Amino acid sequence: MRKSRFSEEQIVAILKESEAGMNNAELCRKHGISDKTFYKWRARYGGMQVSDVKKMKTLEEENAMLKRILGQKELDIMALKAVVEKKW
């Protein structure tokens, strides 16, 4: 996945500017982002603080690690079942 030009902290700061009353079109022009990007950020990070974003990122990383572990365990179980079911 492509890395964003903006960090999560910067994204939250931009969204705070919008909440402060700045026009969305001006805000997008000022920071060089599209309307679609702004609304996508608002859907994902809206109402969050910087600490909330950091917690979310660590939870996403942990979740990805647990999914990899679960996948490996399922492969091991399938391999063991195949060995047990094999007729000697």
PDB file of N, CA and C in Angstrom:
ATOM      1  N   MET A   1       0.840  -1.170   0.000  1.00  0.00           N
ATOM      2  CA  MET A   1       0.000   0.000   0.000  1.00  0.00           C
ATOM      3  C   MET A   1       0.891   1.240   0.000  1.00  0.00           C
ATOM      4  N   ARG A   2       0.471   2.260  -0.699  1.00  0.00           N
ATOM      5  CA  ARG A   2       1.228   3.487  -0.838  1.00  0.00           C
ATOM      6  C   ARG A   2       1.209   4.269   0.464  1.00  0.00           C
ATOM      7  N   LYS A   3       2.354   4.804   0.852  1.00  0.00           N
ATOM      8  CA  LYS A   3       2.454   5.593   2.069  1.00  0.00           C
ATOM      9  C   LYS A   3       1.947   7.006   1.799  1.00  0.00           C
ATOM     10  N   SER A   4       1.172   7.510   2.725  1.00  0.00           N
ATOM     11  CA  SER A   4       0.612   8.844   2.599  1.00  0.00           C
ATOM     12  C   SER A   4       1.688   9.904   2.799  1.00  0.00           C
ATOM     13  N   ARG A   5       1.487  11.043   2.180  1.00  0.00           N
ATOM     14  CA  ARG A   5       2.384  12.174   2.385  1.00  0.00           C
ATOM     15  C   ARG A   5       2.205  12.786   3.756  1.00  0.00           C
ATOM     16  N   PHE A   6       1.034  12.577   4.321  1.00  0.00           N
ATOM     17  CA  PHE A   6       0.692  13.163   5.604  1.00  0.00           C
ATOM     18  C   PHE A   6       0.701  12.100   6.693  1.00  0.00           C
ATOM     19  N   SER A   7       1.225  12.444   7.852  1.00  0.00           N
ATOM     20  CA  SER A   7       1.181  11.525   8.994  1.00  0.00           C
ATOM     21  C   SER A   7      -0.216  11.604   9.613  1.00  0.00           C
ATOM     22  N   GLU A   8      -0.502  10.667  10.489  1.00  0.00           N
ATOM     23  CA  GLU A   8      -1.808  10.663  11.138  1.00  0.00           C
ATOM     24  C   GLU A   8      -2.009  11.924  11.970  1.00  0.00           C
ATOM     25  N   GLU A   9      -0.937  12.410  12.586  1.00  0.00           N
ATOM     26  CA  GLU A   9      -1.029  13.628  13.384  1.00  0.00           C
ATOM     27  C   GLU A   9      -1.388  14.826  12.513  1.00  0.00           C
ATOM     28  N   GLN A  10      -0.796  14.901  11.317  1.00  0.00           N
ATOM     29  CA  GLN A  10      -1.102  15.986  10.397  1.00  0.00           C
ATOM     30  C   GLN A  10      -2.541  15.892   9.903  1.00  0.00           C
ATOM     31  N   ILE A  11      -3.000  14.680   9.649  1.00  0.00           N
ATOM     32  CA  ILE A  11      -4.372  14.489   9.190  1.00  0.00           C
ATOM     33  C   ILE A  11      -5.354  14.963  10.248  1.00  0.00           C
ATOM     34  N   VAL A  12      -5.103  14.606  11.505  1.00  0.00           N
ATOM     35  CA  VAL A  12      -5.980  15.035  12.597  1.00  0.00           C
ATOM     36  C   VAL A  12      -5.964  16.554  12.715  1.00  0.00           C
ATOM     37  N   ALA A  13      -4.790  17.178  12.541  1.00  0.00           N
ATOM     38  CA  ALA A  13      -4.704  18.639  12.607  1.00  0.00           C
ATOM     39  C   ALA A  13      -5.509  19.286  11.481  1.00  0.00           C
ATOM     40  N   ILE A  14      -5.449  18.724  10.290  1.00  0.00           N
ATOM     41  CA  ILE A  14      -6.227  19.260   9.162  1.00  0.00           C
ATOM     42  C   ILE A  14      -7.717  19.141   9.442  1.00  0.00           C
ATOM     43  N   LEU A  15      -8.133  18.007   9.997  1.00  0.00           N
ATOM     44  CA  LEU A  15      -9.553  17.825  10.323  1.00  0.00           C
ATOM     45  C   LEU A  15      -9.992  18.782  11.434  1.00  0.00           C
ATOM     46  N   LYS A  16      -9.101  19.103  12.361  1.00  0.00           N
ATOM     47  CA  LYS A  16      -9.423  20.070  13.417  1.00  0.00           C
ATOM     48  C   LYS A  16      -9.643  21.453  12.825  1.00  0.00           C
ATOM     49  N   GLU A  17      -8.871  21.802  11.795  1.00  0.00           N
ATOM     50  CA  GLU A  17      -9.073  23.080  11.114  1.00  0.00           C
ATOM     51  C   GLU A  17     -10.469  23.135  10.509  1.00  0.00           C
ATOM     52  N   SER A  18     -10.905  22.030   9.941  1.00  0.00           N
ATOM     53  CA  SER A  18     -12.238  21.972   9.345  1.00  0.00           C
ATOM     54  C   SER A  18     -13.310  22.137  10.415  1.00  0.00           C
ATOM     55  N   GLU A  19     -13.106  21.473  11.570  1.00  0.00           N
ATOM     56  CA  GLU A  19     -14.075  21.586  12.657  1.00  0.00           C
ATOM     57  C   GLU A  19     -14.114  22.991  13.227  1.00  0.00           C
ATOM     58  N   ALA A  20     -13.004  23.726  13.106  1.00  0.00           N
ATOM     59  CA  ALA A  20     -12.943  25.094  13.613  1.00  0.00           C
ATOM     60  C   ALA A  20     -13.740  26.063  12.746  1.00  0.00           C
ATOM     61  N   GLY A  21     -14.172  25.611  11.580  1.00  0.00           N
ATOM     62  CA  GLY A  21     -15.028  26.445  10.747  1.00  0.00           C
ATOM     63  C   GLY A  21     -14.461  26.823   9.397  1.00  0.00           C
ATOM     64  N   MET A  22     -13.314  26.320   9.059  1.00  0.00           N
ATOM     65  CA  MET A  22     -12.729  26.644   7.760  1.00  0.00           C
ATOM     66  C   MET A  22     -13.487  25.915   6.660  1.00  0.00           C
ATOM     67  N   ASN A  23     -13.667  26.570   5.537  1.00  0.00           N
ATOM     68  CA  ASN A  23     -14.370  26.011   4.389  1.00  0.00           C
ATOM     69  C   ASN A  23     -13.582  24.809   3.852  1.00  0.00           C
ATOM     70  N   ASN A  24     -14.291  23.732   3.528  1.00  0.00           N
ATOM     71  CA  ASN A  24     -13.629  22.512   3.071  1.00  0.00           C
ATOM     72  C   ASN A  24     -12.868  22.719   1.772  1.00  0.00           C
ATOM     73  N   ALA A  25     -13.422  23.480   0.843  1.00  0.00           N
ATOM     74  CA  ALA A  25     -12.745  23.713  -0.438  1.00  0.00           C
ATOM     75  C   ALA A  25     -11.439  24.474  -0.219  1.00  0.00           C
ATOM     76  N   GLU A  26     -11.469  25.491   0.639  1.00  0.00           N
ATOM     77  CA  GLU A  26     -10.256  26.251   0.934  1.00  0.00           C
ATOM     78  C   GLU A  26      -9.229  25.381   1.652  1.00  0.00           C
ATOM     79  N   LEU A  27      -9.700  24.565   2.562  1.00  0.00           N
ATOM     80  CA  LEU A  27      -8.822  23.684   3.316  1.00  0.00           C
ATOM     81  C   LEU A  27      -8.117  22.699   2.385  1.00  0.00           C
ATOM     82  N   CYS A  28      -8.860  22.112   1.468  1.00  0.00           N
ATOM     83  CA  CYS A  28      -8.276  21.161   0.518  1.00  0.00           C
ATOM     84  C   CYS A  28      -7.258  21.852  -0.383  1.00  0.00           C
ATOM     85  N   ARG A  29      -7.571  23.048  -0.832  1.00  0.00           N
ATOM     86  CA  ARG A  29      -6.654  23.796  -1.692  1.00  0.00           C
ATOM     87  C   ARG A  29      -5.380  24.165  -0.919  1.00  0.00           C
ATOM     88  N   LYS A  30      -5.545  24.581   0.334  1.00  0.00           N
ATOM     89  CA  LYS A  30      -4.410  24.997   1.162  1.00  0.00           C
ATOM     90  C   LYS A  30      -3.425  23.851   1.384  1.00  0.00           C
ATOM     91  N   HIS A  31      -3.939  22.651   1.622  1.00  0.00           N
ATOM     92  CA  HIS A  31      -3.072  21.512   1.923  1.00  0.00           C
ATOM     93  C   HIS A  31      -2.777  20.634   0.708  1.00  0.00           C
ATOM     94  N   GLY A  32      -3.382  20.937  -0.422  1.00  0.00           N
ATOM     95  CA  GLY A  32      -3.100  20.197  -1.654  1.00  0.00           C
ATOM     96  C   GLY A  32      -3.681  18.799  -1.672  1.00  0.00           C
ATOM     97  N   ILE A  33      -4.904  18.651  -1.170  1.00  0.00           N
ATOM     98  CA  ILE A  33      -5.578  17.353  -1.174  1.00  0.00           C
ATOM     99  C   ILE A  33      -6.883  17.483  -1.932  1.00  0.00           C
ATOM    100  N   SER A  34      -7.428  16.354  -2.351  1.00  0.00           N
ATOM    101  CA  SER A  34      -8.702  16.377  -3.064  1.00  0.00           C
ATOM    102  C   SER A  34      -9.857  16.299  -2.073  1.00  0.00           C
ATOM    103  N   ASP A  35     -11.045  16.641  -2.556  1.00  0.00           N
ATOM    104  CA  ASP A  35     -12.237  16.538  -1.713  1.00  0.00           C
ATOM    105  C   ASP A  35     -12.460  15.102  -1.277  1.00  0.00           C
ATOM    106  N   LYS A  36     -12.233  14.171  -2.204  1.00  0.00           N
ATOM    107  CA  LYS A  36     -12.428  12.753  -1.895  1.00  0.00           C
ATOM    108  C   LYS A  36     -11.506  12.315  -0.763  1.00  0.00           C
ATOM    109  N   THR A  37     -10.257  12.752  -0.805  1.00  0.00           N
ATOM    110  CA  THR A  37      -9.310  12.418   0.251  1.00  0.00           C
ATOM    111  C   THR A  37      -9.762  12.999   1.576  1.00  0.00           C
ATOM    112  N   PHE A  38     -10.220  14.248   1.561  1.00  0.00           N
ATOM    113  CA  PHE A  38     -10.683  14.886   2.792  1.00  0.00           C
ATOM    114  C   PHE A  38     -11.838  14.118   3.410  1.00  0.00           C
ATOM    115  N   TYR A  39     -12.823  13.748   2.615  1.00  0.00           N
ATOM    116  CA  TYR A  39     -13.977  13.048   3.147  1.00  0.00           C
ATOM    117  C   TYR A  39     -13.620  11.635   3.609  1.00  0.00           C
ATOM    118  N   LYS A  40     -12.655  11.009   2.935  1.00  0.00           N
ATOM    119  CA  LYS A  40     -12.187   9.691   3.365  1.00  0.00           C
ATOM    120  C   LYS A  40     -11.497   9.799   4.723  1.00  0.00           C
ATOM    121  N   TRP A  41     -10.655  10.834   4.885  1.00  0.00           N
ATOM    122  CA  TRP A  41      -9.999  11.063   6.168  1.00  0.00           C
ATOM    123  C   TRP A  41     -11.022  11.348   7.263  1.00  0.00           C
ATOM    124  N   ARG A  42     -12.018  12.152   6.926  1.00  0.00           N
ATOM    125  CA  ARG A  42     -13.029  12.513   7.922  1.00  0.00           C
ATOM    126  C   ARG A  42     -13.818  11.289   8.362  1.00  0.00           C
ATOM    127  N   ALA A  43     -14.078  10.367   7.431  1.00  0.00           N
ATOM    128  CA  ALA A  43     -14.789   9.142   7.788  1.00  0.00           C
ATOM    129  C   ALA A  43     -13.938   8.254   8.693  1.00  0.00           C
ATOM    130  N   ARG A  44     -12.640   8.239   8.456  1.00  0.00           N
ATOM    131  CA  ARG A  44     -11.765   7.359   9.227  1.00  0.00           C
ATOM    132  C   ARG A  44     -11.294   7.985  10.534  1.00  0.00           C
ATOM    133  N   TYR A  45     -10.890   9.259  10.492  1.00  0.00           N
ATOM    134  CA  TYR A  45     -10.270   9.888  11.647  1.00  0.00           C
ATOM    135  C   TYR A  45     -11.144  10.947  12.315  1.00  0.00           C
ATOM    136  N   GLY A  46     -12.354  11.153  11.851  1.00  0.00           N
ATOM    137  CA  GLY A  46     -13.206  12.204  12.387  1.00  0.00           C
ATOM    138  C   GLY A  46     -13.468  12.052  13.870  1.00  0.00           C
ATOM    139  N   GLY A  47     -13.285  13.122  14.630  1.00  0.00           N
ATOM    140  CA  GLY A  47     -13.549  13.106  16.060  1.00  0.00           C
ATOM    141  C   GLY A  47     -12.460  12.479  16.899  1.00  0.00           C
ATOM    142  N   MET A  48     -11.341  12.115  16.293  1.00  0.00           N
ATOM    143  CA  MET A  48     -10.260  11.465  17.038  1.00  0.00           C
ATOM    144  C   MET A  48      -9.219  12.492  17.463  1.00  0.00           C
ATOM    145  N   GLN A  49      -8.542  12.144  18.539  1.00  0.00           N
ATOM    146  CA  GLN A  49      -7.370  12.896  18.986  1.00  0.00           C
ATOM    147  C   GLN A  49      -6.136  12.156  18.484  1.00  0.00           C
ATOM    148  N   VAL A  50      -4.983  12.788  18.601  1.00  0.00           N
ATOM    149  CA  VAL A  50      -3.741  12.176  18.142  1.00  0.00           C
ATOM    150  C   VAL A  50      -3.468  10.881  18.907  1.00  0.00           C
ATOM    151  N   SER A  51      -3.739  10.871  20.210  1.00  0.00           N
ATOM    152  CA  SER A  51      -3.495   9.658  21.002  1.00  0.00           C
ATOM    153  C   SER A  51      -4.408   8.517  20.550  1.00  0.00           C
ATOM    154  N   ASP A  52      -5.650   8.851  20.153  1.00  0.00           N
ATOM    155  CA  ASP A  52      -6.569   7.820  19.663  1.00  0.00           C
ATOM    156  C   ASP A  52      -6.056   7.204  18.369  1.00  0.00           C
ATOM    157  N   VAL A  53      -5.482   8.029  17.516  1.00  0.00           N
ATOM    158  CA  VAL A  53      -4.957   7.545  16.238  1.00  0.00           C
ATOM    159  C   VAL A  53      -3.771   6.613  16.473  1.00  0.00           C
ATOM    160  N   LYS A  54      -2.905   6.966  17.429  1.00  0.00           N
ATOM    161  CA  LYS A  54      -1.753   6.111  17.733  1.00  0.00           C
ATOM    162  C   LYS A  54      -2.219   4.770  18.288  1.00  0.00           C
ATOM    163  N   LYS A  55      -3.233   4.778  19.155  1.00  0.00           N
ATOM    164  CA  LYS A  55      -3.774   3.537  19.698  1.00  0.00           C
ATOM    165  C   LYS A  55      -4.368   2.679  18.590  1.00  0.00           C
ATOM    166  N   MET A  56      -5.102   3.325  17.668  1.00  0.00           N
ATOM    167  CA  MET A  56      -5.715   2.598  16.566  1.00  0.00           C
ATOM    168  C   MET A  56      -4.646   1.935  15.695  1.00  0.00           C
ATOM    169  N   LYS A  57      -3.566   2.654  15.436  1.00  0.00           N
ATOM    170  CA  LYS A  57      -2.493   2.110  14.600  1.00  0.00           C
ATOM    171  C   LYS A  57      -1.838   0.896  15.265  1.00  0.00           C
ATOM    172  N   THR A  58      -1.576   0.968  16.568  1.00  0.00           N
ATOM    173  CA  THR A  58      -0.981  -0.175  17.254  1.00  0.00           C
ATOM    174  C   THR A  58      -1.937  -1.356  17.277  1.00  0.00           C
ATOM    175  N   LEU A  59      -3.223  -1.091  17.439  1.00  0.00           N
ATOM    176  CA  LEU A  59      -4.200  -2.177  17.425  1.00  0.00           C
ATOM    177  C   LEU A  59      -4.291  -2.828  16.051  1.00  0.00           C
ATOM    178  N   GLU A  60      -4.206  -2.023  14.981  1.00  0.00           N
ATOM    179  CA  GLU A  60      -4.238  -2.580  13.631  1.00  0.00           C
ATOM    180  C   GLU A  60      -3.014  -3.462  13.384  1.00  0.00           C
ATOM    181  N   GLU A  61      -1.850  -3.023  13.859  1.00  0.00           N
ATOM    182  CA  GLU A  61      -0.636  -3.830  13.693  1.00  0.00           C
ATOM    183  C   GLU A  61      -0.738  -5.137  14.464  1.00  0.00           C
ATOM    184  N   GLU A  62      -1.255  -5.061  15.689  1.00  0.00           N
ATOM    185  CA  GLU A  62      -1.420  -6.267  16.492  1.00  0.00           C
ATOM    186  C   GLU A  62      -2.418  -7.223  15.848  1.00  0.00           C
ATOM    187  N   ASN A  63      -3.495  -6.669  15.315  1.00  0.00           N
ATOM    188  CA  ASN A  63      -4.512  -7.482  14.652  1.00  0.00           C
ATOM    189  C   ASN A  63      -3.931  -8.200  13.434  1.00  0.00           C
ATOM    190  N   ALA A  64      -3.112  -7.506  12.655  1.00  0.00           N
ATOM    191  CA  ALA A  64      -2.485  -8.125  11.485  1.00  0.00           C
ATOM    192  C   ALA A  64      -1.559  -9.260  11.904  1.00  0.00           C
ATOM    193  N   MET A  65      -0.799  -9.056  12.993  1.00  0.00           N
ATOM    194  CA  MET A  65       0.092 -10.095  13.482  1.00  0.00           C
ATOM    195  C   MET A  65      -0.706 -11.323  13.938  1.00  0.00           C
ATOM    196  N   LEU A  66      -1.810 -11.098  14.652  1.00  0.00           N
ATOM    197  CA  LEU A  66      -2.629 -12.212  15.121  1.00  0.00           C
ATOM    198  C   LEU A  66      -3.271 -12.973  13.967  1.00  0.00           C
ATOM    199  N   LYS A  67      -3.657 -12.268  12.911  1.00  0.00           N
ATOM    200  CA  LYS A  67      -4.216 -12.934  11.731  1.00  0.00           C
ATOM    201  C   LYS A  67      -3.174 -13.828  11.062  1.00  0.00           C
ATOM    202  N   ARG A  68      -1.918 -13.353  10.989  1.00  0.00           N
ATOM    203  CA  ARG A  68      -0.852 -14.178  10.413  1.00  0.00           C
ATOM    204  C   ARG A  68      -0.618 -15.426  11.259  1.00  0.00           C
ATOM    205  N   ILE A  69      -0.611 -15.258  12.575  1.00  0.00           N
ATOM    206  CA  ILE A  69      -0.414 -16.405  13.471  1.00  0.00           C
ATOM    207  C   ILE A  69      -1.546 -17.409  13.299  1.00  0.00           C
ATOM    208  N   LEU A  70      -2.779 -16.922  13.245  1.00  0.00           N
ATOM    209  CA  LEU A  70      -3.931 -17.801  13.072  1.00  0.00           C
ATOM    210  C   LEU A  70      -3.855 -18.553  11.749  1.00  0.00           C
ATOM    211  N   GLY A  71      -3.451 -17.881  10.688  1.00  0.00           N
ATOM    212  CA  GLY A  71      -3.303 -18.535   9.390  1.00  0.00           C
ATOM    213  C   GLY A  71      -2.281 -19.655   9.428  1.00  0.00           C
ATOM    214  N   GLN A  72      -1.151 -19.407  10.092  1.00  0.00           N
ATOM    215  CA  GLN A  72      -0.132 -20.446  10.212  1.00  0.00           C
ATOM    216  C   GLN A  72      -0.646 -21.649  11.003  1.00  0.00           C
ATOM    217  N   LYS A  73      -1.370 -21.384  12.076  1.00  0.00           N
ATOM    218  CA  LYS A  73      -1.915 -22.478  12.891  1.00  0.00           C
ATOM    219  C   LYS A  73      -2.926 -23.301  12.091  1.00  0.00           C
ATOM    220  N   GLU A  74      -3.754 -22.631  11.304  1.00  0.00           N
ATOM    221  CA  GLU A  74      -4.725 -23.359  10.484  1.00  0.00           C
ATOM    222  C   GLU A  74      -4.028 -24.224   9.448  1.00  0.00           C
ATOM    223  N   LEU A  75      -2.933 -23.719   8.856  1.00  0.00           N
ATOM    224  CA  LEU A  75      -2.164 -24.533   7.911  1.00  0.00           C
ATOM    225  C   LEU A  75      -1.568 -25.756   8.593  1.00  0.00           C
ATOM    226  N   ASP A  76      -1.049 -25.563   9.807  1.00  0.00           N
ATOM    227  CA  ASP A  76      -0.489 -26.691  10.563  1.00  0.00           C
ATOM    228  C   ASP A  76      -1.556 -27.742  10.849  1.00  0.00           C
ATOM    229  N   ILE A  77      -2.744 -27.300  11.249  1.00  0.00           N
ATOM    230  CA  ILE A  77      -3.833 -28.221  11.562  1.00  0.00           C
ATOM    231  C   ILE A  77      -4.250 -28.998  10.317  1.00  0.00           C
ATOM    232  N   MET A  78      -4.356 -28.300   9.176  1.00  0.00           N
ATOM    233  CA  MET A  78      -4.729 -28.979   7.932  1.00  0.00           C
ATOM    234  C   MET A  78      -3.678 -30.010   7.541  1.00  0.00           C
ATOM    235  N   ALA A  79      -2.411 -29.690   7.711  1.00  0.00           N
ATOM    236  CA  ALA A  79      -1.338 -30.628   7.373  1.00  0.00           C
ATOM    237  C   ALA A  79      -1.388 -31.846   8.278  1.00  0.00           C
ATOM    238  N   LEU A  80      -1.612 -31.642   9.568  1.00  0.00           N
ATOM    239  CA  LEU A  80      -1.700 -32.768  10.495  1.00  0.00           C
ATOM    240  C   LEU A  80      -2.899 -33.643  10.207  1.00  0.00           C
ATOM    241  N   LYS A  81      -4.011 -33.035   9.845  1.00  0.00           N
ATOM    242  CA  LYS A  81      -5.203 -33.825   9.480  1.00  0.00           C
ATOM    243  C   LYS A  81      -4.940 -34.662   8.237  1.00  0.00           C
ATOM    244  N   ALA A  82      -4.234 -34.094   7.273  1.00  0.00           N
ATOM    245  CA  ALA A  82      -3.924 -34.829   6.047  1.00  0.00           C
ATOM    246  C   ALA A  82      -3.028 -36.026   6.356  1.00  0.00           C
ATOM    247  N   VAL A  83      -2.092 -35.860   7.272  1.00  0.00           N
ATOM    248  CA  VAL A  83      -1.205 -36.968   7.648  1.00  0.00           C
ATOM    249  C   VAL A  83      -1.991 -38.052   8.376  1.00  0.00           C
ATOM    250  N   VAL A  84      -2.881 -37.658   9.282  1.00  0.00           N
ATOM    251  CA  VAL A  84      -3.652 -38.625  10.061  1.00  0.00           C
ATOM    252  C   VAL A  84      -4.623 -39.396   9.164  1.00  0.00           C
ATOM    253  N   GLU A  85      -5.239 -38.713   8.200  1.00  0.00           N
ATOM    254  CA  GLU A  85      -6.234 -39.362   7.322  1.00  0.00           C
ATOM    255  C   GLU A  85      -5.586 -40.257   6.268  1.00  0.00           C
ATOM    256  N   LYS A  86      -4.328 -40.111   6.041  1.00  0.00           N
ATOM    257  CA  LYS A  86      -3.642 -40.892   5.020  1.00  0.00           C
ATOM    258  C   LYS A  86      -3.610 -42.361   5.433  1.00  0.00           C
ATOM    259  N   LYS A  87      -3.931 -43.227   4.516  1.00  0.00           N
ATOM    260  CA  LYS A  87      -3.912 -44.666   4.820  1.00  0.00           C
ATOM    261  C   LYS A  87      -2.514 -45.209   4.578  1.00  0.00           C
ATOM    262  N   TRP A  88      -1.987 -45.923   5.539  1.00  0.00           N
ATOM    263  CA  TRP A  88      -0.651 -46.486   5.453  1.00  0.00           C
ATOM    264  C   TRP A  88      -0.730 -47.861   4.971  1.00  0.00           C
TER     265      TRP A  88
END
